C-alpha atoms as a PDB file:
ATOM      1  CA  MET A   1     -44.530 -25.901  23.147  1.00  0.00           C
ATOM      2  CA  ALA A   2     -45.376 -22.600  21.511  1.00  0.00           C
ATOM      3  CA  THR A   3     -44.891 -22.392  17.800  1.00  0.00           C
ATOM      4  CA  VAL A   4     -43.747 -19.432  15.817  1.00  0.00           C
ATOM      5  CA  PRO A   5     -45.958 -18.570  12.859  1.00  0.00           C
ATOM      6  CA  VAL A   6     -44.237 -18.745   9.512  1.00  0.00           C
ATOM      7  CA  LEU A   7     -45.076 -16.264   6.829  1.00  0.00           C
ATOM      8  CA  LYS A   8     -45.907 -17.830   3.498  1.00  0.00           C
ATOM      9  CA  GLY A   9     -46.644 -16.734  -0.014  1.00  0.00           C
ATOM     10  CA  ARG A  10     -46.967 -13.116  -0.674  1.00  0.00           C
ATOM     11  CA  TYR A  11     -46.489 -12.187   2.981  1.00  0.00           C
ATOM     12  CA  ALA A  12     -43.025 -13.772   3.082  1.00  0.00           C
ATOM     13  CA  GLY A  13     -42.150 -12.150  -0.238  1.00  0.00           C
ATOM     14  CA  ALA A  14     -43.296  -8.768   0.967  1.00  0.00           C
ATOM     15  CA  GLY A  15     -41.194  -9.084   4.126  1.00  0.00           C
ATOM     16  CA  TRP A  16     -38.078  -9.971   2.135  1.00  0.00           C
ATOM     17  CA  ARG A  17     -38.626  -7.103  -0.277  1.00  0.00           C
ATOM     18  CA  GLY A  18     -39.169  -4.745   2.607  1.00  0.00           C
ATOM     19  CA  ARG A  19     -35.865  -5.711   4.189  1.00  0.00           C
ATOM     20  CA  SER A  20     -34.068  -5.416   0.875  1.00  0.00           C
ATOM     21  CA  MET A  21     -35.490  -1.950   0.316  1.00  0.00           C
ATOM     22  CA  ALA A  22     -34.510  -0.925   3.816  1.00  0.00           C
ATOM     23  CA  GLY A  23     -30.975  -2.155   3.198  1.00  0.00           C
ATOM     24  CA  ILE A  24     -30.683  -0.344  -0.117  1.00  0.00           C
ATOM     25  CA  GLY A  25     -32.010   2.849   1.573  1.00  0.00           C
ATOM     26  CA  ALA A  26     -29.429   2.614   4.342  1.00  0.00           C
ATOM     27  CA  THR A  27     -26.564   2.323   1.883  1.00  0.00           C
ATOM     28  CA  THR A  28     -27.779   5.085  -0.485  1.00  0.00           C
ATOM     29  CA  PRO A  29     -25.706   7.888   1.164  1.00  0.00           C
ATOM     30  CA  ALA A  30     -22.549   5.845   0.976  1.00  0.00           C
ATOM     31  CA  LEU A  31     -23.200   4.890  -2.624  1.00  0.00           C
ATOM     32  CA  ALA A  32     -23.899   8.523  -3.492  1.00  0.00           C
ATOM     33  CA  LEU A  33     -20.592   9.590  -1.970  1.00  0.00           C
ATOM     34  CA  VAL A  34     -18.663   6.875  -3.828  1.00  0.00           C
ATOM     35  CA  LEU A  35     -20.407   7.875  -7.118  1.00  0.00           C
ATOM     36  CA  LEU A  36     -19.780  11.560  -6.560  1.00  0.00           C
ATOM     37  CA  PHE A  37     -16.154  11.526  -5.344  1.00  0.00           C
ATOM     38  CA  PHE A  38     -14.767   8.434  -7.069  1.00  0.00           C
ATOM     39  CA  VAL A  39     -16.777   7.105 -10.032  1.00  0.00           C
ATOM     40  CA  LEU A  40     -17.544  10.456 -11.667  1.00  0.00           C
ATOM     41  CA  PRO A  41     -13.924  11.840 -11.415  1.00  0.00           C
ATOM     42  CA  VAL A  42     -12.577   8.552 -12.874  1.00  0.00           C
ATOM     43  CA  LEU A  43     -15.121   8.716 -15.727  1.00  0.00           C
ATOM     44  CA  ALA A  44     -14.171  12.333 -16.352  1.00  0.00           C
ATOM     45  CA  LEU A  45     -10.473  11.430 -16.596  1.00  0.00           C
ATOM     46  CA  LEU A  46     -11.308   8.514 -18.874  1.00  0.00           C
ATOM     47  CA  LEU A  47     -13.311  10.821 -21.155  1.00  0.00           C
ATOM     48  CA  ARG A  48     -10.612  13.464 -21.244  1.00  0.00           C
ATOM     49  CA  SER A  49      -8.008  10.859 -22.064  1.00  0.00           C
ATOM     50  CA  ILE A  50      -9.857   9.803 -25.190  1.00  0.00           C
ATOM     51  CA  LEU A  51     -11.348  13.148 -26.247  1.00  0.00           C
ATOM     52  CA  GLU A  52      -8.475  15.647 -25.688  1.00  0.00           C
ATOM     53  CA  PRO A  53      -7.010  17.211 -27.728  1.00  0.00           C
ATOM     54  CA  VAL A  54      -8.942  15.232 -30.385  1.00  0.00           C
ATOM     55  CA  PRO A  55     -11.069  12.089 -30.088  1.00  0.00           C
ATOM     56  CA  GLY A  56      -9.083   8.920 -30.300  1.00  0.00           C
ATOM     57  CA  LEU A  57      -6.503   6.793 -28.454  1.00  0.00           C
ATOM     58  CA  GLN A  58      -3.480   8.883 -29.340  1.00  0.00           C
ATOM     59  CA  ASN A  59      -2.820   9.642 -25.687  1.00  0.00           C
ATOM     60  CA  TYR A  60      -2.540   5.941 -24.801  1.00  0.00           C
ATOM     61  CA  ALA A  61      -0.391   5.358 -27.894  1.00  0.00           C
ATOM     62  CA  GLU A  62       1.985   8.075 -26.694  1.00  0.00           C
ATOM     63  CA  VAL A  63       2.066   6.668 -23.169  1.00  0.00           C
ATOM     64  CA  PHE A  64       3.001   3.218 -24.304  1.00  0.00           C
ATOM     65  CA  GLY A  65       5.104   4.306 -27.304  1.00  0.00           C
ATOM     66  CA  SER A  66       7.314   6.885 -25.692  1.00  0.00           C
ATOM     67  CA  THR A  67      10.508   5.654 -24.106  1.00  0.00           C
ATOM     68  CA  THR A  68      10.373   8.508 -21.604  1.00  0.00           C
ATOM     69  CA  TYR A  69       6.966   7.528 -20.280  1.00  0.00           C
ATOM     70  CA  LEU A  70       7.891   3.839 -20.267  1.00  0.00           C
ATOM     71  CA  LYS A  71      10.931   4.710 -18.192  1.00  0.00           C
ATOM     72  CA  VAL A  72       8.736   6.582 -15.724  1.00  0.00           C
ATOM     73  CA  PHE A  73       6.410   3.527 -15.511  1.00  0.00           C
ATOM     74  CA  SER A  74       9.303   1.137 -14.986  1.00  0.00           C
ATOM     75  CA  ASN A  75      10.828   3.391 -12.388  1.00  0.00           C
ATOM     76  CA  THR A  76       7.506   3.576 -10.579  1.00  0.00           C
ATOM     77  CA  PHE A  77       7.164  -0.180 -10.317  1.00  0.00           C
ATOM     78  CA  LEU A  78      10.845  -0.526  -9.472  1.00  0.00           C
ATOM     79  CA  VAL A  79      10.580   1.883  -6.528  1.00  0.00           C
ATOM     80  CA  ALA A  80       7.327   0.416  -5.348  1.00  0.00           C
ATOM     81  CA  GLY A  81       8.776  -3.126  -5.442  1.00  0.00           C
ATOM     82  CA  ILE A  82      11.948  -2.129  -3.594  1.00  0.00           C
ATOM     83  CA  VAL A  83      10.022  -0.198  -0.950  1.00  0.00           C
ATOM     84  CA  THR A  84       7.659  -3.099  -0.474  1.00  0.00           C
ATOM     85  CA  ALA A  85      10.434  -5.643  -0.117  1.00  0.00           C
ATOM     86  CA  VAL A  86      12.438  -3.532   2.351  1.00  0.00           C
ATOM     87  CA  THR A  87       9.340  -2.734   4.332  1.00  0.00           C
ATOM     88  CA  LEU A  88       8.355  -6.384   4.596  1.00  0.00           C
ATOM     89  CA  PHE A  89      11.902  -7.280   5.645  1.00  0.00           C
ATOM     90  CA  LEU A  90      11.806  -4.694   8.489  1.00  0.00           C
ATOM     91  CA  ALA A  91       8.161  -5.268   9.462  1.00  0.00           C
ATOM     92  CA  PHE A  92       8.543  -9.022  10.242  1.00  0.00           C
ATOM     93  CA  PRO A  93      10.831  -8.696  13.340  1.00  0.00           C
ATOM     94  CA  VAL A  94       8.930  -5.691  14.616  1.00  0.00           C
ATOM     95  CA  SER A  95       5.562  -7.438  14.279  1.00  0.00           C
ATOM     96  CA  TRP A  96       6.902 -10.539  15.934  1.00  0.00           C
ATOM     97  CA  PHE A  97       8.348  -8.526  18.832  1.00  0.00           C
ATOM     98  CA  LEU A  98       4.979  -6.760  19.244  1.00  0.00           C
ATOM     99  CA  ALA A  99       3.231 -10.114  19.425  1.00  0.00           C
ATOM    100  CA  ILE A 100       5.514 -11.746  22.017  1.00  0.00           C
ATOM    101  CA  ALA A 101       6.833  -8.834  24.006  1.00  0.00           C
ATOM    102  CA  PRO A 102       5.485  -7.928  27.522  1.00  0.00           C
ATOM    103  CA  ARG A 103       2.348  -5.890  27.374  1.00  0.00           C
ATOM    104  CA  ARG A 104       3.845  -2.588  28.477  1.00  0.00           C
ATOM    105  CA  TRP A 105       6.703  -2.769  25.923  1.00  0.00           C
ATOM    106  CA  SER A 106       4.429  -3.758  23.063  1.00  0.00           C
ATOM    107  CA  THR A 107       1.955  -1.007  23.985  1.00  0.00           C
ATOM    108  CA  LEU A 108       4.720   1.595  24.078  1.00  0.00           C
ATOM    109  CA  LEU A 109       6.192   0.530  20.765  1.00  0.00           C
ATOM    110  CA  PHE A 110       2.733   0.199  19.134  1.00  0.00           C
ATOM    111  CA  GLY A 111       1.964   3.756  20.365  1.00  0.00           C
ATOM    112  CA  ILE A 112       5.164   5.045  18.767  1.00  0.00           C
ATOM    113  CA  ILE A 113       4.288   3.395  15.437  1.00  0.00           C
ATOM    114  CA  VAL A 114       0.736   4.824  15.419  1.00  0.00           C
ATOM    115  CA  LEU A 115       1.988   8.263  16.458  1.00  0.00           C
ATOM    116  CA  SER A 116       4.340   8.325  13.496  1.00  0.00           C
ATOM    117  CA  MET A 117       1.273   7.857  11.214  1.00  0.00           C
ATOM    118  CA  TRP A 118      -0.387  10.926  12.776  1.00  0.00           C
ATOM    119  CA  THR A 119       2.566  13.154  12.115  1.00  0.00           C
ATOM    120  CA  ASN A 120       2.324  15.413   9.101  1.00  0.00           C
ATOM    121  CA  LEU A 121       3.662  13.729   5.964  1.00  0.00           C
ATOM    122  CA  LEU A 122       5.366  16.804   4.615  1.00  0.00           C
ATOM    123  CA  ALA A 123       7.112  17.523   7.926  1.00  0.00           C
ATOM    124  CA  ARG A 124       8.417  13.955   8.101  1.00  0.00           C
ATOM    125  CA  THR A 125       9.748  14.158   4.521  1.00  0.00           C
ATOM    126  CA  TYR A 126      11.496  17.449   5.172  1.00  0.00           C
ATOM    127  CA  ALA A 127      12.999  15.891   8.301  1.00  0.00           C
ATOM    128  CA  TRP A 128      14.522  13.142   6.190  1.00  0.00           C
ATOM    129  CA  MET A 129      15.853  15.764   3.761  1.00  0.00           C
ATOM    130  CA  VAL A 130      17.743  17.370   6.666  1.00  0.00           C
ATOM    131  CA  LEU A 131      18.979  14.023   7.933  1.00  0.00           C
ATOM    132  CA  LEU A 132      20.098  12.614   4.600  1.00  0.00           C
ATOM    133  CA  GLN A 133      21.812  15.710   3.019  1.00  0.00           C
ATOM    134  CA  ARG A 134      25.606  15.733   2.597  1.00  0.00           C
ATOM    135  CA  THR A 135      25.996  17.890   5.726  1.00  0.00           C
ATOM    136  CA  GLY A 136      23.258  16.078   7.606  1.00  0.00           C
ATOM    137  CA  ILE A 137      23.555  14.204  10.868  1.00  0.00           C
ATOM    138  CA  ILE A 138      23.762  10.726   9.244  1.00  0.00           C
ATOM    139  CA  ASN A 139      26.762  11.572   7.052  1.00  0.00           C
ATOM    140  CA  HIS A 140      28.357  13.591   9.868  1.00  0.00           C
ATOM    141  CA  THR A 141      27.966  10.723  12.327  1.00  0.00           C
ATOM    142  CA  MET A 142      29.455   8.150   9.937  1.00  0.00           C
ATOM    143  CA  MET A 143      32.418  10.422   9.175  1.00  0.00           C
ATOM    144  CA  GLN A 144      33.022  10.974  12.898  1.00  0.00           C
ATOM    145  CA  PHE A 145      33.225   7.205  13.493  1.00  0.00           C
ATOM    146  CA  GLY A 146      35.505   6.766  10.438  1.00  0.00           C
ATOM    147  CA  LEU A 147      32.997   4.677   8.536  1.00  0.00           C
ATOM    148  CA  ILE A 148      33.270   6.934   5.464  1.00  0.00           C
ATOM    149  CA  SER A 149      35.802   9.567   4.340  1.00  0.00           C
ATOM    150  CA  GLN A 150      33.426  11.545   2.112  1.00  0.00           C
ATOM    151  CA  PRO A 151      29.700  12.310   2.505  1.00  0.00           C
ATOM    152  CA  LEU A 152      27.453   9.810   0.732  1.00  0.00           C
ATOM    153  CA  PRO A 153      24.827  11.031  -1.747  1.00  0.00           C
ATOM    154  CA  LEU A 154      21.689  10.008   0.095  1.00  0.00           C
ATOM    155  CA  VAL A 155      19.207  12.500  -1.404  1.00  0.00           C
ATOM    156  CA  ASN A 156      17.967  13.229  -4.968  1.00  0.00           C
ATOM    157  CA  ASN A 157      18.402   9.470  -5.811  1.00  0.00           C
ATOM    158  CA  LEU A 158      16.829   6.136  -5.410  1.00  0.00           C
ATOM    159  CA  ILE A 159      18.426   5.642  -1.933  1.00  0.00           C
ATOM    160  CA  GLY A 160      16.735   8.705  -0.489  1.00  0.00           C
ATOM    161  CA  VAL A 161      13.342   7.807  -2.020  1.00  0.00           C
ATOM    162  CA  THR A 162      13.611   4.264  -0.624  1.00  0.00           C
ATOM    163  CA  ILE A 163      14.528   5.406   2.867  1.00  0.00           C
ATOM    164  CA  GLY A 164      11.839   8.044   3.064  1.00  0.00           C
ATOM    165  CA  MET A 165       9.057   5.893   1.662  1.00  0.00           C
ATOM    166  CA  THR A 166      10.010   2.848   3.703  1.00  0.00           C
ATOM    167  CA  TYR A 167       9.775   4.887   6.896  1.00  0.00           C
ATOM    168  CA  ILE A 168       6.338   6.161   5.903  1.00  0.00           C
ATOM    169  CA  MET A 169       5.011   2.778   4.680  1.00  0.00           C
ATOM    170  CA  LEU A 170       6.370   0.671   7.582  1.00  0.00           C
ATOM    171  CA  PRO A 171       3.252   1.039   9.811  1.00  0.00           C
ATOM    172  CA  PHE A 172       1.006  -0.044   6.957  1.00  0.00           C
ATOM    173  CA  MET A 173       2.959  -3.352   6.800  1.00  0.00           C
ATOM    174  CA  ILE A 174       3.298  -3.787  10.568  1.00  0.00           C
ATOM    175  CA  LEU A 175      -0.372  -3.491  11.374  1.00  0.00           C
ATOM    176  CA  PRO A 176      -1.730  -6.385   9.262  1.00  0.00           C
ATOM    177  CA  LEU A 177       1.281  -8.585  10.086  1.00  0.00           C
ATOM    178  CA  HIS A 178       0.889  -7.937  13.801  1.00  0.00           C
ATOM    179  CA  ALA A 179      -2.831  -8.668  13.689  1.00  0.00           C
ATOM    180  CA  THR A 180      -2.138 -12.014  11.922  1.00  0.00           C
ATOM    181  CA  ILE A 181       0.710 -13.102  14.148  1.00  0.00           C
ATOM    182  CA  ARG A 182      -1.259 -12.365  17.299  1.00  0.00           C
ATOM    183  CA  THR A 183      -3.891 -14.961  16.313  1.00  0.00           C
ATOM    184  CA  LEU A 184      -1.316 -17.793  16.000  1.00  0.00           C
ATOM    185  CA  ASP A 185      -1.312 -20.572  18.639  1.00  0.00           C
ATOM    186  CA  PRO A 186       2.154 -21.141  20.104  1.00  0.00           C
ATOM    187  CA  ALA A 187       1.200 -24.793  20.763  1.00  0.00           C
ATOM    188  CA  VAL A 188       1.337 -25.386  17.001  1.00  0.00           C
ATOM    189  CA  PHE A 189       5.023 -24.477  16.856  1.00  0.00           C
ATOM    190  CA  GLN A 190       5.795 -26.479  20.039  1.00  0.00           C
ATOM    191  CA  ALA A 191       4.133 -29.527  18.563  1.00  0.00           C
ATOM    192  CA  ALA A 192       6.229 -29.182  15.371  1.00  0.00           C
ATOM    193  CA  SER A 193       9.408 -28.888  17.420  1.00  0.00           C
ATOM    194  CA  LEU A 194       8.498 -32.027  19.456  1.00  0.00           C
ATOM    195  CA  CYS A 195       7.955 -33.826  16.188  1.00  0.00           C
ATOM    196  CA  GLY A 196      11.559 -33.071  15.192  1.00  0.00           C
ATOM    197  CA  ALA A 197      11.124 -30.085  12.916  1.00  0.00           C
ATOM    198  CA  SER A 198      13.979 -27.636  12.903  1.00  0.00           C
ATOM    199  CA  ARG A 199      13.409 -23.895  13.374  1.00  0.00           C
ATOM    200  CA  LEU A 200      13.879 -23.287   9.668  1.00  0.00           C
ATOM    201  CA  GLN A 201      11.326 -26.039   8.824  1.00  0.00           C
ATOM    202  CA  VAL A 202       8.810 -24.566  11.342  1.00  0.00           C
ATOM    203  CA  PHE A 203       9.294 -21.090   9.855  1.00  0.00           C
ATOM    204  CA  ILE A 204       8.882 -22.287   6.182  1.00  0.00           C
ATOM    205  CA  ALA A 205       6.295 -25.062   6.547  1.00  0.00           C
ATOM    206  CA  ILE A 206       4.144 -23.630   9.325  1.00  0.00           C
ATOM    207  CA  PHE A 207       4.763 -19.995  10.173  1.00  0.00           C
ATOM    208  CA  LEU A 208       4.833 -18.560   6.625  1.00  0.00           C
ATOM    209  CA  PRO A 209       1.573 -20.291   5.455  1.00  0.00           C
ATOM    210  CA  LEU A 210      -0.227 -19.148   8.606  1.00  0.00           C
ATOM    211  CA  VAL A 211       0.788 -15.481   8.132  1.00  0.00           C
ATOM    212  CA  ALA A 212       0.414 -15.481   4.386  1.00  0.00           C
ATOM    213  CA  SER A 213      -2.875 -13.560   4.530  1.00  0.00           C
ATOM    214  CA  GLY A 214      -1.279 -10.816   6.612  1.00  0.00           C
ATOM    215  CA  VAL A 215       1.697 -10.663   4.337  1.00  0.00           C
ATOM    216  CA  ALA A 216      -0.456 -10.393   1.296  1.00  0.00           C
ATOM    217  CA  ALA A 217      -2.626  -7.664   2.888  1.00  0.00           C
ATOM    218  CA  GLY A 218       0.460  -5.609   3.879  1.00  0.00           C
ATOM    219  CA  VAL A 219       2.267  -6.101   0.590  1.00  0.00           C
ATOM    220  CA  LEU A 220      -0.820  -5.135  -1.390  1.00  0.00           C
ATOM    221  CA  MET A 221      -1.398  -1.996   0.711  1.00  0.00           C
ATOM    222  CA  VAL A 222       2.216  -0.844   0.609  1.00  0.00           C
ATOM    223  CA  PHE A 223       2.795  -1.595  -3.039  1.00  0.00           C
ATOM    224  CA  VAL A 224      -0.408   0.060  -4.276  1.00  0.00           C
ATOM    225  CA  MET A 225       0.122   3.135  -2.086  1.00  0.00           C
ATOM    226  CA  SER A 226       3.798   3.395  -3.313  1.00  0.00           C
ATOM    227  CA  LEU A 227       2.583   3.360  -6.944  1.00  0.00           C
ATOM    228  CA  GLY A 228       0.736   6.589  -6.518  1.00  0.00           C
ATOM    229  CA  TYR A 229       2.993   8.369  -4.038  1.00  0.00           C
ATOM    230  CA  PHE A 230       3.911  11.948  -4.856  1.00  0.00           C
ATOM    231  CA  VAL A 231       5.332  14.054  -1.979  1.00  0.00           C
ATOM    232  CA  THR A 232       8.240  11.890  -0.836  1.00  0.00           C
ATOM    233  CA  PRO A 233       9.629  10.956  -4.303  1.00  0.00           C
ATOM    234  CA  SER A 234       9.403  14.589  -5.441  1.00  0.00           C
ATOM    235  CA  LEU A 235      11.300  15.879  -2.471  1.00  0.00           C
ATOM    236  CA  LEU A 236      13.857  13.074  -1.940  1.00  0.00           C
ATOM    237  CA  GLY A 237      14.226  11.864  -5.557  1.00  0.00           C
ATOM    238  CA  GLY A 238      15.767  13.402  -8.619  1.00  0.00           C
ATOM    239  CA  THR A 239      14.674  13.865 -12.162  1.00  0.00           C
ATOM    240  CA  SER A 240      16.203  10.483 -13.110  1.00  0.00           C
ATOM    241  CA  ASN A 241      13.953   8.818 -10.544  1.00  0.00           C
ATOM    242  CA  MET A 242      10.670  10.443 -11.459  1.00  0.00           C
ATOM    243  CA  MET A 243       7.557   8.401 -10.643  1.00  0.00           C
ATOM    244  CA  LEU A 244       4.235   8.410 -12.344  1.00  0.00           C
ATOM    245  CA  ALA A 245       2.453  10.650  -9.844  1.00  0.00           C
ATOM    246  CA  GLU A 246       5.103  13.340 -10.474  1.00  0.00           C
ATOM    247  CA  LEU A 247       4.713  12.978 -14.189  1.00  0.00           C
ATOM    248  CA  ILE A 248       0.929  13.380 -13.937  1.00  0.00           C
ATOM    249  CA  ALA A 249       1.333  16.488 -11.811  1.00  0.00           C
ATOM    250  CA  GLN A 250       3.778  18.021 -14.317  1.00  0.00           C
ATOM    251  CA  LEU A 251       1.459  17.256 -17.263  1.00  0.00           C
ATOM    252  CA  VAL A 252      -1.483  18.984 -15.457  1.00  0.00           C
ATOM    253  CA  GLN A 253       0.273  21.889 -13.824  1.00  0.00           C
ATOM    254  CA  SER A 254       3.027  22.810 -16.209  1.00  0.00           C
ATOM    255  CA  LEU A 255       1.896  21.514 -19.602  1.00  0.00           C
ATOM    256  CA  LEU A 256      -1.925  21.651 -19.100  1.00  0.00           C
ATOM    257  CA  ASN A 257      -2.074  18.345 -21.012  1.00  0.00           C
ATOM    258  CA  TRP A 258      -5.149  16.822 -19.381  1.00  0.00           C
ATOM    259  CA  GLY A 259      -5.609  14.196 -22.071  1.00  0.00           C
ATOM    260  CA  LEU A 260      -2.143  12.643 -21.587  1.00  0.00           C
ATOM    261  CA  ALA A 261      -2.363  13.007 -17.788  1.00  0.00           C
ATOM    262  CA  GLY A 262      -5.689  11.288 -17.876  1.00  0.00           C
ATOM    263  CA  ALA A 263      -4.394   8.394 -19.912  1.00  0.00           C
ATOM    264  CA  ALA A 264      -1.448   7.849 -17.515  1.00  0.00           C
ATOM    265  CA  ALA A 265      -3.843   8.041 -14.524  1.00  0.00           C
ATOM    266  CA  VAL A 266      -6.269   5.488 -16.106  1.00  0.00           C
ATOM    267  CA  VAL A 267      -3.428   3.108 -16.893  1.00  0.00           C
ATOM    268  CA  LEU A 268      -2.239   3.365 -13.248  1.00  0.00           C
ATOM    269  CA  LEU A 269      -5.768   2.718 -12.026  1.00  0.00           C
ATOM    270  CA  VAL A 270      -6.187  -0.337 -14.273  1.00  0.00           C
ATOM    271  CA  VAL A 271      -2.886  -1.743 -13.021  1.00  0.00           C
ATOM    272  CA  THR A 272      -3.920  -1.143  -9.380  1.00  0.00           C
ATOM    273  CA  LEU A 273      -7.303  -2.883  -9.931  1.00  0.00           C
ATOM    274  CA  ALA A 274      -5.546  -5.821 -11.579  1.00  0.00           C
ATOM    275  CA  ILE A 275      -3.293  -6.183  -8.505  1.00  0.00           C
ATOM    276  CA  TYR A 276      -6.310  -6.121  -6.246  1.00  0.00           C
ATOM    277  CA  ALA A 277      -7.986  -8.767  -8.439  1.00  0.00           C
ATOM    278  CA  VAL A 278      -5.004 -11.072  -8.126  1.00  0.00           C
ATOM    279  CA  GLN A 279      -4.858 -10.628  -4.374  1.00  0.00           C
ATOM    280  CA  PHE A 280      -8.596 -11.348  -3.949  1.00  0.00           C
ATOM    281  CA  ARG A 281      -8.302 -14.310  -6.305  1.00  0.00           C
ATOM    282  CA  TYR A 282      -5.689 -16.071  -4.217  1.00  0.00           C
ATOM    283  CA  PHE A 283      -6.280 -14.749  -0.729  1.00  0.00           C
ATOM    284  CA  GLY A 284      -9.914 -13.548  -0.782  1.00  0.00           C
ATOM    285  CA  PHE A 285     -11.477 -11.017   1.549  1.00  0.00           C
ATOM    286  CA  GLY A 286     -11.069 -13.001   4.764  1.00  0.00           C
ATOM    287  CA  SER A 287      -7.938 -13.268   6.857  1.00  0.00           C
ATOM    288  CA  ASN A 288      -8.073 -17.070   7.169  1.00  0.00           C
ATOM    289  CA  ARG A 289      -8.151 -18.128   3.587  1.00  0.00           C
ATOM    290  CA  GLY A 290      -4.429 -17.742   3.044  1.00  0.00           C
ATOM    291  CA  ALA A 291      -3.683 -19.935   5.999  1.00  0.00           C
ATOM    292  CA  ARG A 292      -5.656 -22.942   4.769  1.00  0.00           C
END
């Protein structure tokens, strides 16, 4: 039997170093882009937040000490939490249907979901403004059927923001859930039923742990994206429902207060990274860890 020569000593070390250098060289363009378009802007914001208008932490003290800014922070997390919960509630049956439906129906519905993601965000938001206004088709239809006697206020409030953002975020929850549900083996649920488990027991004890990784991925994506959303809340919300992205935009565009805007942006970034750290701590990078 032929034997394969094994490199030893300095030759093996040279081969390993050569492969390492080749790997580093291949990733250099990507690392340069991350450094140029992410790391440097974040560092610039951090520096401006502690250097403008004078060096110090007065911008962070104002962010955490002002009731106005704390209200904006709390409203941002409230809206993001509500949107995430509603999106998860709606995405579960859709993802389940996509996984068990006949191929042509699931392909058609999946195509509609993906097509909605390709539609211009501003156009979709303006469409919801037309639908939800007091003279819009939704209020008009409910009044025609006698469900309401007066038009409901569906825009410039939390309801409008929740509806608009849920519609936009729904595909980002459906995609990871659908990918996780498709990997489940139906024989597992059949075996649980044969052993006497009820449907509720199967759902809680078997189904939910198996799809936990997909739920975590979808919840993380939707919640983090909702924290920094700007277009939909600014068009469908009101001044009492201002979110952090709108506040940062006003500080930069209207007040030219880059220091305070940078402090608010850095705080939002730190919160986002902390959420990512918690998700990776309990669910990891893989899709199977949450199911074990």
